[in-house]
């Protein structure tokens, strides 16, 4: 859903909130601090 809404943003003019996908232990360490 997030990926689709992000793809739509260029034509719809409205994108999703900033997000990241968490699917492994490593992903936990790469989340930007400003999130």
ModelCIF file with pLDDT and N, C-alpha, C, O atoms, coordinates in Angstrom:
data_MODEL
#
_entry.id   MODEL 
#
_entity.id                         1 
_entity.type                       polymer 
_entity.pdbx_number_of_molecules   1 
#
_entity_poly.entity_id                      1 
_entity_poly.type                           'polypeptide(L)' 
_entity_poly.nstd_linkage                   no 
_entity_poly.nstd_monomer                   no 
_entity_poly.pdbx_seq_one_letter_code       
;(UNK)(UNK)(UNK)(UNK)(UNK)(UNK)(UNK)(UNK)(UNK)(UNK)(UNK)(UNK)(UNK)(UNK)(UNK)(UNK)
(UNK)(UNK)(UNK)(UNK)(UNK)(UNK)(UNK)(UNK)(UNK)(UNK)(UNK)(UNK)(UNK)(UNK)(UNK)(UNK)
(UNK)(UNK)(UNK)
;
_entity_poly.pdbx_seq_one_letter_code_can   XXXXXXXXXXXXXXXXXXXXXXXXXXXXXXXXXXX 
_entity_poly.pdbx_strand_id                 A 
#
loop_
_entity_poly_seq.entity_id 
_entity_poly_seq.num 
_entity_poly_seq.mon_id 
_entity_poly_seq.hetero 
1 1  UNK n 
1 2  UNK n 
1 3  UNK n 
1 4  UNK n 
1 5  UNK n 
1 6  UNK n 
1 7  UNK n 
1 8  UNK n 
1 9  UNK n 
1 10 UNK n 
1 11 UNK n 
1 12 UNK n 
1 13 UNK n 
1 14 UNK n 
1 15 UNK n 
1 16 UNK n 
1 17 UNK n 
1 18 UNK n 
1 19 UNK n 
1 20 UNK n 
1 21 UNK n 
1 22 UNK n 
1 23 UNK n 
1 24 UNK n 
1 25 UNK n 
1 26 UNK n 
1 27 UNK n 
1 28 UNK n 
1 29 UNK n 
1 30 UNK n 
1 31 UNK n 
1 32 UNK n 
1 33 UNK n 
1 34 UNK n 
1 35 UNK n 
#
_struct_asym.id          A 
_struct_asym.entity_id   1 
#
loop_
_ma_qa_metric.id 
_ma_qa_metric.mode 
_ma_qa_metric.name 
_ma_qa_metric.software_group_id 
_ma_qa_metric.type 
1 global pLDDT . pLDDT 
2 local  pLDDT . pLDDT 
#
_ma_qa_metric_global.metric_id      1 
_ma_qa_metric_global.metric_value   93.74 
_ma_qa_metric_global.model_id       1 
_ma_qa_metric_global.ordinal_id     1 
#
loop_
_ma_qa_metric_local.label_asym_id 
_ma_qa_metric_local.label_comp_id 
_ma_qa_metric_local.label_seq_id 
_ma_qa_metric_local.metric_id 
_ma_qa_metric_local.metric_value 
_ma_qa_metric_local.model_id 
_ma_qa_metric_local.ordinal_id 
A UNK 1  2 96.00 1 1  
A UNK 2  2 96.00 1 2  
A UNK 3  2 96.00 1 3  
A UNK 4  2 97.00 1 4  
A UNK 5  2 97.00 1 5  
A UNK 6  2 96.00 1 6  
A UNK 7  2 96.00 1 7  
A UNK 8  2 96.00 1 8  
A UNK 9  2 96.00 1 9  
A UNK 10 2 95.00 1 10 
A UNK 11 2 95.00 1 11 
A UNK 12 2 94.00 1 12 
A UNK 13 2 95.00 1 13 
A UNK 14 2 97.00 1 14 
A UNK 15 2 96.00 1 15 
A UNK 16 2 96.00 1 16 
A UNK 17 2 94.00 1 17 
A UNK 18 2 94.00 1 18 
A UNK 19 2 95.00 1 19 
A UNK 20 2 95.00 1 20 
A UNK 21 2 95.00 1 21 
A UNK 22 2 94.00 1 22 
A UNK 23 2 93.00 1 23 
A UNK 24 2 90.00 1 24 
A UNK 25 2 89.00 1 25 
A UNK 26 2 90.00 1 26 
A UNK 27 2 92.00 1 27 
A UNK 28 2 92.00 1 28 
A UNK 29 2 87.00 1 29 
A UNK 30 2 90.00 1 30 
A UNK 31 2 92.00 1 31 
A UNK 32 2 91.00 1 32 
A UNK 33 2 91.00 1 33 
A UNK 34 2 91.00 1 34 
A UNK 35 2 92.00 1 35 
#
loop_
_atom_site.group_PDB 
_atom_site.id 
_atom_site.type_symbol 
_atom_site.label_atom_id 
_atom_site.label_alt_id 
_atom_site.label_comp_id 
_atom_site.label_asym_id 
_atom_site.label_entity_id 
_atom_site.label_seq_id 
_atom_site.pdbx_PDB_ins_code 
_atom_site.Cartn_x 
_atom_site.Cartn_y 
_atom_site.Cartn_z 
_atom_site.occupancy 
_atom_site.B_iso_or_equiv 
_atom_site.pdbx_formal_charge 
_atom_site.auth_seq_id 
_atom_site.auth_comp_id 
_atom_site.auth_asym_id 
_atom_site.auth_atom_id 
_atom_site.pdbx_PDB_model_num 
ATOM 1   N N  . UNK A 1 1  ? 0.824  -1.207 0.000   1.00 96.00 ? 1  UNK A N  1 
ATOM 2   C CA . UNK A 1 1  ? 0.000  0.000  0.000   1.00 96.00 ? 1  UNK A CA 1 
ATOM 3   C C  . UNK A 1 1  ? 0.859  1.259  0.000   1.00 96.00 ? 1  UNK A C  1 
ATOM 4   O O  . UNK A 1 1  ? 0.620  2.177  -0.785  1.00 96.00 ? 1  UNK A O  1 
ATOM 5   N N  . UNK A 1 2  ? 1.865  1.305  0.884   1.00 96.00 ? 2  UNK A N  1 
ATOM 6   C CA . UNK A 1 2  ? 2.743  2.478  0.941   1.00 96.00 ? 2  UNK A CA 1 
ATOM 7   C C  . UNK A 1 2  ? 3.505  2.656  -0.369  1.00 96.00 ? 2  UNK A C  1 
ATOM 8   O O  . UNK A 1 2  ? 3.639  3.773  -0.869  1.00 96.00 ? 2  UNK A O  1 
ATOM 9   N N  . UNK A 1 3  ? 4.004  1.549  -0.921  1.00 96.00 ? 3  UNK A N  1 
ATOM 10  C CA . UNK A 1 3  ? 4.744  1.626  -2.176  1.00 96.00 ? 3  UNK A CA 1 
ATOM 11  C C  . UNK A 1 3  ? 3.852  2.145  -3.298  1.00 96.00 ? 3  UNK A C  1 
ATOM 12  O O  . UNK A 1 3  ? 4.276  2.966  -4.111  1.00 96.00 ? 3  UNK A O  1 
ATOM 13  N N  . UNK A 1 4  ? 2.610  1.658  -3.335  1.00 97.00 ? 4  UNK A N  1 
ATOM 14  C CA . UNK A 1 4  ? 1.673  2.099  -4.362  1.00 97.00 ? 4  UNK A CA 1 
ATOM 15  C C  . UNK A 1 4  ? 1.348  3.584  -4.205  1.00 97.00 ? 4  UNK A C  1 
ATOM 16  O O  . UNK A 1 4  ? 1.347  4.323  -5.190  1.00 97.00 ? 4  UNK A O  1 
ATOM 17  N N  . UNK A 1 5  ? 1.074  4.024  -2.982  1.00 97.00 ? 5  UNK A N  1 
ATOM 18  C CA . UNK A 1 5  ? 0.746  5.428  -2.749  1.00 97.00 ? 5  UNK A CA 1 
ATOM 19  C C  . UNK A 1 5  ? 1.932  6.331  -3.064  1.00 97.00 ? 5  UNK A C  1 
ATOM 20  O O  . UNK A 1 5  ? 1.755  7.458  -3.526  1.00 97.00 ? 5  UNK A O  1 
ATOM 21  N N  . UNK A 1 6  ? 3.143  5.835  -2.812  1.00 96.00 ? 6  UNK A N  1 
ATOM 22  C CA . UNK A 1 6  ? 4.346  6.603  -3.163  1.00 96.00 ? 6  UNK A CA 1 
ATOM 23  C C  . UNK A 1 6  ? 4.464  6.740  -4.680  1.00 96.00 ? 6  UNK A C  1 
ATOM 24  O O  . UNK A 1 6  ? 4.827  7.798  -5.194  1.00 96.00 ? 6  UNK A O  1 
ATOM 25  N N  . UNK A 1 7  ? 4.152  5.653  -5.388  1.00 96.00 ? 7  UNK A N  1 
ATOM 26  C CA . UNK A 1 7  ? 4.191  5.690  -6.853  1.00 96.00 ? 7  UNK A CA 1 
ATOM 27  C C  . UNK A 1 7  ? 3.143  6.649  -7.415  1.00 96.00 ? 7  UNK A C  1 
ATOM 28  O O  . UNK A 1 7  ? 3.369  7.295  -8.438  1.00 96.00 ? 7  UNK A O  1 
ATOM 29  N N  . UNK A 1 8  ? 2.010  6.735  -6.747  1.00 96.00 ? 8  UNK A N  1 
ATOM 30  C CA . UNK A 1 8  ? 0.925  7.612  -7.200  1.00 96.00 ? 8  UNK A CA 1 
ATOM 31  C C  . UNK A 1 8  ? 1.232  9.087  -6.961  1.00 96.00 ? 8  UNK A C  1 
ATOM 32  O O  . UNK A 1 8  ? 0.650  9.955  -7.612  1.00 96.00 ? 8  UNK A O  1 
ATOM 33  N N  . UNK A 1 9  ? 2.135  9.374  -6.037  1.00 96.00 ? 9  UNK A N  1 
ATOM 34  C CA . UNK A 1 9  ? 2.364  10.750 -5.589  1.00 96.00 ? 9  UNK A CA 1 
ATOM 35  C C  . UNK A 1 9  ? 2.722  11.695 -6.728  1.00 96.00 ? 9  UNK A C  1 
ATOM 36  O O  . UNK A 1 9  ? 2.318  12.858 -6.718  1.00 96.00 ? 9  UNK A O  1 
ATOM 37  N N  . UNK A 1 10 ? 3.479  11.203 -7.715  1.00 95.00 ? 10 UNK A N  1 
ATOM 38  C CA . UNK A 1 10 ? 3.911  12.079 -8.812  1.00 95.00 ? 10 UNK A CA 1 
ATOM 39  C C  . UNK A 1 10 ? 2.734  12.579 -9.642  1.00 95.00 ? 10 UNK A C  1 
ATOM 40  O O  . UNK A 1 10 ? 2.779  13.687 -10.176 1.00 95.00 ? 10 UNK A O  1 
ATOM 41  N N  . UNK A 1 11 ? 1.684  11.773 -9.753  1.00 95.00 ? 11 UNK A N  1 
ATOM 42  C CA . UNK A 1 11 ? 0.511  12.186 -10.524 1.00 95.00 ? 11 UNK A CA 1 
ATOM 43  C C  . UNK A 1 11 ? -0.636 12.684 -9.638  1.00 95.00 ? 11 UNK A C  1 
ATOM 44  O O  . UNK A 1 11 ? -1.413 13.546 -10.046 1.00 95.00 ? 11 UNK A O  1 
ATOM 45  N N  . UNK A 1 12 ? -0.734 12.133 -8.422  1.00 94.00 ? 12 UNK A N  1 
ATOM 46  C CA . UNK A 1 12 ? -1.833 12.551 -7.535  1.00 94.00 ? 12 UNK A CA 1 
ATOM 47  C C  . UNK A 1 12 ? -1.506 13.840 -6.784  1.00 94.00 ? 12 UNK A C  1 
ATOM 48  O O  . UNK A 1 12 ? -2.408 14.572 -6.378  1.00 94.00 ? 12 UNK A O  1 
ATOM 49  N N  . UNK A 1 13 ? -0.221 14.115 -6.601  1.00 95.00 ? 13 UNK A N  1 
ATOM 50  C CA . UNK A 1 13 ? 0.201  15.316 -5.893  1.00 95.00 ? 13 UNK A CA 1 
ATOM 51  C C  . UNK A 1 13 ? 0.214  15.169 -4.389  1.00 95.00 ? 13 UNK A C  1 
ATOM 52  O O  . UNK A 1 13 ? 0.548  16.119 -3.681  1.00 95.00 ? 13 UNK A O  1 
ATOM 53  N N  . UNK A 1 14 ? -0.143 13.992 -3.880  1.00 97.00 ? 14 UNK A N  1 
ATOM 54  C CA . UNK A 1 14 ? -0.155 13.748 -2.440  1.00 97.00 ? 14 UNK A CA 1 
ATOM 55  C C  . UNK A 1 14 ? 0.502  12.400 -2.160  1.00 97.00 ? 14 UNK A C  1 
ATOM 56  O O  . UNK A 1 14 ? 0.078  11.378 -2.699  1.00 97.00 ? 14 UNK A O  1 
ATOM 57  N N  . UNK A 1 15 ? 1.529  12.397 -1.323  1.00 96.00 ? 15 UNK A N  1 
ATOM 58  C CA . UNK A 1 15 ? 2.220  11.163 -0.989  1.00 96.00 ? 15 UNK A CA 1 
ATOM 59  C C  . UNK A 1 15 ? 1.926  10.708 0.421   1.00 96.00 ? 15 UNK A C  1 
ATOM 60  O O  . UNK A 1 15 ? 1.257  11.415 1.175   1.00 96.00 ? 15 UNK A O  1 
ATOM 61  N N  . UNK A 1 16 ? 2.422  9.516  0.796   1.00 96.00 ? 16 UNK A N  1 
ATOM 62  C CA . UNK A 1 16 ? 2.223  8.996  2.149   1.00 96.00 ? 16 UNK A CA 1 
ATOM 63  C C  . UNK A 1 16 ? 3.162  9.660  3.145   1.00 96.00 ? 16 UNK A C  1 
ATOM 64  O O  . UNK A 1 16 ? 4.052  10.413 2.749   1.00 96.00 ? 16 UNK A O  1 
ATOM 65  N N  . UNK A 1 17 ? 2.974  9.389  4.431   1.00 94.00 ? 17 UNK A N  1 
ATOM 66  C CA . UNK A 1 17 ? 3.897  9.886  5.456   1.00 94.00 ? 17 UNK A CA 1 
ATOM 67  C C  . UNK A 1 17 ? 5.251  9.207  5.246   1.00 94.00 ? 17 UNK A C  1 
ATOM 68  O O  . UNK A 1 17 ? 5.311  8.116  4.680   1.00 94.00 ? 17 UNK A O  1 
ATOM 69  N N  . UNK A 1 18 ? 6.341  9.841  5.695   1.00 94.00 ? 18 UNK A N  1 
ATOM 70  C CA . UNK A 1 18 ? 7.648  9.172  5.615   1.00 94.00 ? 18 UNK A CA 1 
ATOM 71  C C  . UNK A 1 18 ? 7.607  7.838  6.349   1.00 94.00 ? 18 UNK A C  1 
ATOM 72  O O  . UNK A 1 18 ? 7.096  7.754  7.465   1.00 94.00 ? 18 UNK A O  1 
ATOM 73  N N  . UNK A 1 19 ? 8.147  6.797  5.721   1.00 95.00 ? 19 UNK A N  1 
ATOM 74  C CA . UNK A 1 19 ? 8.063  5.467  6.305   1.00 95.00 ? 19 UNK A CA 1 
ATOM 75  C C  . UNK A 1 19 ? 9.273  4.636  5.903   1.00 95.00 ? 19 UNK A C  1 
ATOM 76  O O  . UNK A 1 19 ? 10.018 4.995  4.991   1.00 95.00 ? 19 UNK A O  1 
ATOM 77  N N  . UNK A 1 20 ? 9.454  3.522  6.600   1.00 95.00 ? 20 UNK A N  1 
ATOM 78  C CA . UNK A 1 20 ? 10.440 2.526  6.200   1.00 95.00 ? 20 UNK A CA 1 
ATOM 79  C C  . UNK A 1 20 ? 9.894  1.145  6.556   1.00 95.00 ? 20 UNK A C  1 
ATOM 80  O O  . UNK A 1 20 ? 9.058  1.010  7.449   1.00 95.00 ? 20 UNK A O  1 
ATOM 81  N N  . UNK A 1 21 ? 10.365 0.146  5.865   1.00 95.00 ? 21 UNK A N  1 
ATOM 82  C CA . UNK A 1 21 ? 9.916  -1.226 6.068   1.00 95.00 ? 21 UNK A CA 1 
ATOM 83  C C  . UNK A 1 21 ? 10.860 -1.934 7.023   1.00 95.00 ? 21 UNK A C  1 
ATOM 84  O O  . UNK A 1 21 ? 12.079 -1.865 6.863   1.00 95.00 ? 21 UNK A O  1 
ATOM 85  N N  . UNK A 1 22 ? 10.302 -2.612 8.014   1.00 94.00 ? 22 UNK A N  1 
ATOM 86  C CA . UNK A 1 22 ? 11.074 -3.390 8.988   1.00 94.00 ? 22 UNK A CA 1 
ATOM 87  C C  . UNK A 1 22 ? 10.789 -4.864 8.762   1.00 94.00 ? 22 UNK A C  1 
ATOM 88  O O  . UNK A 1 22 ? 9.693  -5.338 9.064   1.00 94.00 ? 22 UNK A O  1 
ATOM 89  N N  . UNK A 1 23 ? 11.755 -5.586 8.237   1.00 93.00 ? 23 UNK A N  1 
ATOM 90  C CA . UNK A 1 23 ? 11.551 -7.023 8.035   1.00 93.00 ? 23 UNK A CA 1 
ATOM 91  C C  . UNK A 1 23 ? 12.732 -7.863 8.512   1.00 93.00 ? 23 UNK A C  1 
ATOM 92  O O  . UNK A 1 23 ? 12.730 -9.085 8.360   1.00 93.00 ? 23 UNK A O  1 
ATOM 93  N N  . UNK A 1 24 ? 13.753 -7.201 9.096   1.00 90.00 ? 24 UNK A N  1 
ATOM 94  C CA . UNK A 1 24 ? 14.891 -7.930 9.641   1.00 90.00 ? 24 UNK A CA 1 
ATOM 95  C C  . UNK A 1 24 ? 15.508 -7.127 10.782  1.00 90.00 ? 24 UNK A C  1 
ATOM 96  O O  . UNK A 1 24 ? 15.232 -5.940 10.953  1.00 90.00 ? 24 UNK A O  1 
ATOM 97  N N  . UNK A 1 25 ? 16.344 -7.803 11.551  1.00 89.00 ? 25 UNK A N  1 
ATOM 98  C CA . UNK A 1 25 ? 17.039 -7.147 12.665  1.00 89.00 ? 25 UNK A CA 1 
ATOM 99  C C  . UNK A 1 25 ? 17.873 -5.970 12.179  1.00 89.00 ? 25 UNK A C  1 
ATOM 100 O O  . UNK A 1 25 ? 17.984 -4.950 12.860  1.00 89.00 ? 25 UNK A O  1 
ATOM 101 N N  . UNK A 1 26 ? 18.449 -6.120 11.009  1.00 90.00 ? 26 UNK A N  1 
ATOM 102 C CA . UNK A 1 26 ? 19.307 -5.073 10.456  1.00 90.00 ? 26 UNK A CA 1 
ATOM 103 C C  . UNK A 1 26 ? 18.516 -3.800 10.150  1.00 90.00 ? 26 UNK A C  1 
ATOM 104 O O  . UNK A 1 26 ? 19.030 -2.689 10.283  1.00 90.00 ? 26 UNK A O  1 
ATOM 105 N N  . UNK A 1 27 ? 17.248 -3.981 9.734   1.00 92.00 ? 27 UNK A N  1 
ATOM 106 C CA . UNK A 1 27 ? 16.425 -2.815 9.393   1.00 92.00 ? 27 UNK A CA 1 
ATOM 107 C C  . UNK A 1 27 ? 16.209 -1.913 10.602  1.00 92.00 ? 27 UNK A C  1 
ATOM 108 O O  . UNK A 1 27 ? 16.015 -0.706 10.454  1.00 92.00 ? 27 UNK A O  1 
ATOM 109 N N  . UNK A 1 28 ? 16.242 -2.499 11.802  1.00 92.00 ? 28 UNK A N  1 
ATOM 110 C CA . UNK A 1 28 ? 16.026 -1.709 13.019  1.00 92.00 ? 28 UNK A CA 1 
ATOM 111 C C  . UNK A 1 28 ? 17.123 -0.680 13.232  1.00 92.00 ? 28 UNK A C  1 
ATOM 112 O O  . UNK A 1 28 ? 16.891 0.361  13.847  1.00 92.00 ? 28 UNK A O  1 
ATOM 113 N N  . UNK A 1 29 ? 18.303 -0.962 12.734  1.00 87.00 ? 29 UNK A N  1 
ATOM 114 C CA . UNK A 1 29 ? 19.455 -0.073 12.967  1.00 87.00 ? 29 UNK A CA 1 
ATOM 115 C C  . UNK A 1 29 ? 19.602 0.998  11.901  1.00 87.00 ? 29 UNK A C  1 
ATOM 116 O O  . UNK A 1 29 ? 20.423 1.905  12.039  1.00 87.00 ? 29 UNK A O  1 
ATOM 117 N N  . UNK A 1 30 ? 18.809 0.901  10.833  1.00 90.00 ? 30 UNK A N  1 
ATOM 118 C CA . UNK A 1 30 ? 18.956 1.857  9.726   1.00 90.00 ? 30 UNK A CA 1 
ATOM 119 C C  . UNK A 1 30 ? 17.827 2.882  9.672   1.00 90.00 ? 30 UNK A C  1 
ATOM 120 O O  . UNK A 1 30 ? 17.758 3.674  8.732   1.00 90.00 ? 30 UNK A O  1 
ATOM 121 N N  . UNK A 1 31 ? 16.943 2.875  10.671  1.00 92.00 ? 31 UNK A N  1 
ATOM 122 C CA . UNK A 1 31 ? 15.852 3.849  10.696  1.00 92.00 ? 31 UNK A CA 1 
ATOM 123 C C  . UNK A 1 31 ? 16.421 5.236  10.981  1.00 92.00 ? 31 UNK A C  1 
ATOM 124 O O  . UNK A 1 31 ? 17.132 5.411  11.970  1.00 92.00 ? 31 UNK A O  1 
ATOM 125 N N  . UNK A 1 32 ? 16.124 6.222  10.140  1.00 91.00 ? 32 UNK A N  1 
ATOM 126 C CA . UNK A 1 32 ? 16.639 7.579  10.373  1.00 91.00 ? 32 UNK A CA 1 
ATOM 127 C C  . UNK A 1 32 ? 16.173 8.135  11.716  1.00 91.00 ? 32 UNK A C  1 
ATOM 128 O O  . UNK A 1 32 ? 15.038 7.898  12.131  1.00 91.00 ? 32 UNK A O  1 
ATOM 129 N N  . UNK A 1 33 ? 17.039 8.864  12.384  1.00 91.00 ? 33 UNK A N  1 
ATOM 130 C CA . UNK A 1 33 ? 16.707 9.400  13.701  1.00 91.00 ? 33 UNK A CA 1 
ATOM 131 C C  . UNK A 1 33 ? 15.514 10.328 13.695  1.00 91.00 ? 33 UNK A C  1 
ATOM 132 O O  . UNK A 1 33 ? 14.772 10.401 14.675  1.00 91.00 ? 33 UNK A O  1 
ATOM 133 N N  . UNK A 1 34 ? 15.321 11.050 12.578  1.00 91.00 ? 34 UNK A N  1 
ATOM 134 C CA . UNK A 1 34 ? 14.219 12.020 12.541  1.00 91.00 ? 34 UNK A CA 1 
ATOM 135 C C  . UNK A 1 34 ? 12.856 11.340 12.376  1.00 91.00 ? 34 UNK A C  1 
ATOM 136 O O  . UNK A 1 34 ? 11.831 12.022 12.374  1.00 91.00 ? 34 UNK A O  1 
ATOM 137 N N  . UNK A 1 35 ? 12.826 9.990  12.235  1.00 92.00 ? 35 UNK A N  1 
ATOM 138 C CA . UNK A 1 35 ? 11.559 9.272  12.156  1.00 92.00 ? 35 UNK A CA 1 
ATOM 139 C C  . UNK A 1 35 ? 10.925 9.091  13.538  1.00 92.00 ? 35 UNK A C  1 
ATOM 140 O O  . UNK A 1 35 ? 9.849  8.504  13.651  1.00 92.00 ? 35 UNK A O  1 
#
